[in-house]
Amino acid sequence: DWIVAPRHQLIPSVYAACLLSNDGDLGYSGPTYIAIRSARHEMSTADTHAADFDRLVCLKEFEKVARNEKGEVKPIVIVN
């Protein structure tokens, strides 16, 4: 997290999925989720990141990469 627009104190959190092609090549054109919060009114904590992740795994755009065939959240997630 970093503050952008210091006067407004906005903190963006960016989440993106990298998809594998049919050939097994890693692509960079997967879905992206950006959460923006005000540093004046809300802290950026593990709890806020967990809430962002809970929203992300419910989005249709992330369904293919975030959930298995049974609809369960996949047990392995790489966060950088």
Protein backbone atom coordinates (compact mmCIF):
# COMPACT_ATOMS: atom_id res chain seq x y z
CA ASP A 1 0.00 0.00 0.00
CA TRP A 2 1.11 3.53 -0.66
CA ILE A 3 -0.62 6.87 -0.39
CA VAL A 4 -1.47 8.55 -3.68
CA ALA A 5 -2.89 12.04 -3.94
CA PRO A 6 -1.32 13.05 -0.59
CA ARG A 7 -3.75 15.91 -0.16
CA HIS A 8 -6.66 13.46 -0.28
CA GLN A 9 -4.71 10.60 1.35
CA LEU A 10 -6.06 7.82 -0.83
CA ILE A 11 -4.62 4.33 -0.38
CA PRO A 12 -5.08 1.91 -3.30
CA SER A 13 -4.75 -1.86 -2.94
CA VAL A 14 -4.32 -3.62 -6.28
CA TYR A 15 -5.05 -7.30 -6.86
CA ALA A 16 -4.51 -9.02 -10.21
CA ALA A 17 -4.72 -12.58 -11.53
CA CYS A 18 -2.24 -13.99 -14.02
CA LEU A 19 -3.80 -16.65 -16.24
CA LEU A 20 -2.19 -19.65 -17.89
CA SER A 21 -2.79 -20.15 -21.60
CA ASN A 22 -3.76 -23.53 -23.06
CA ASP A 23 -0.06 -24.02 -23.84
CA GLY A 24 0.86 -23.41 -20.20
CA ASP A 25 2.36 -19.97 -20.79
CA LEU A 26 1.82 -17.36 -18.10
CA GLY A 27 -0.18 -14.36 -19.27
CA TYR A 28 -0.67 -10.93 -17.79
CA SER A 29 -4.15 -10.10 -19.04
CA GLY A 30 -6.25 -11.52 -16.20
CA PRO A 31 -8.81 -9.67 -14.10
CA THR A 32 -7.79 -6.78 -11.83
CA TYR A 33 -9.44 -5.55 -8.64
CA ILE A 34 -8.55 -2.19 -7.09
CA ALA A 35 -9.78 -1.18 -3.65
CA ILE A 36 -9.33 2.47 -2.67
CA ARG A 37 -9.72 3.71 0.87
CA SER A 38 -9.27 7.06 2.55
CA ALA A 39 -6.32 7.22 4.95
CA ARG A 40 -8.16 9.98 6.79
CA HIS A 41 -11.07 7.72 7.71
CA GLU A 42 -9.79 4.15 7.49
CA MET A 43 -6.50 2.38 8.19
CA SER A 44 -4.91 -0.13 5.84
CA THR A 45 -4.59 -3.25 7.98
CA ALA A 46 -4.67 -7.02 7.64
CA ASP A 47 -8.42 -6.81 8.32
CA THR A 48 -9.03 -4.40 5.44
CA HIS A 49 -6.97 -6.60 3.11
CA ALA A 50 -8.95 -9.65 4.25
CA ALA A 51 -12.22 -7.82 3.50
CA ASP A 52 -10.87 -6.90 0.04
CA PHE A 53 -9.95 -10.53 -0.60
CA ASP A 54 -13.39 -11.73 0.55
CA ARG A 55 -14.99 -9.36 -1.98
CA LEU A 56 -12.54 -10.39 -4.71
CA VAL A 57 -13.23 -14.14 -4.47
CA CYS A 58 -16.97 -13.44 -4.85
CA LEU A 59 -16.57 -11.52 -8.12
CA LYS A 60 -17.55 -13.32 -11.32
CA GLU A 61 -14.36 -12.05 -13.01
CA PHE A 62 -12.20 -13.89 -10.45
CA GLU A 63 -14.32 -17.05 -10.27
CA LYS A 64 -12.09 -19.05 -12.63
CA VAL A 65 -8.86 -18.22 -10.81
CA ALA A 66 -10.10 -18.00 -7.21
CA ARG A 67 -12.39 -21.03 -6.93
CA ASN A 68 -12.20 -24.73 -7.74
CA GLU A 69 -14.80 -26.86 -9.55
CA LYS A 70 -16.86 -27.19 -6.34
CA GLY A 71 -16.97 -23.41 -5.87
CA GLU A 72 -14.59 -23.48 -2.91
CA VAL A 73 -11.82 -20.90 -2.59
CA LYS A 74 -8.61 -22.47 -3.86
CA PRO A 75 -6.20 -23.37 -1.05
CA ILE A 76 -3.14 -21.80 -2.71
CA VAL A 77 -2.97 -18.09 -3.36
CA ILE A 78 0.26 -16.24 -4.08
CA VAL A 79 0.34 -12.69 -2.78
CA ASN A 80 3.23 -10.41 -3.62
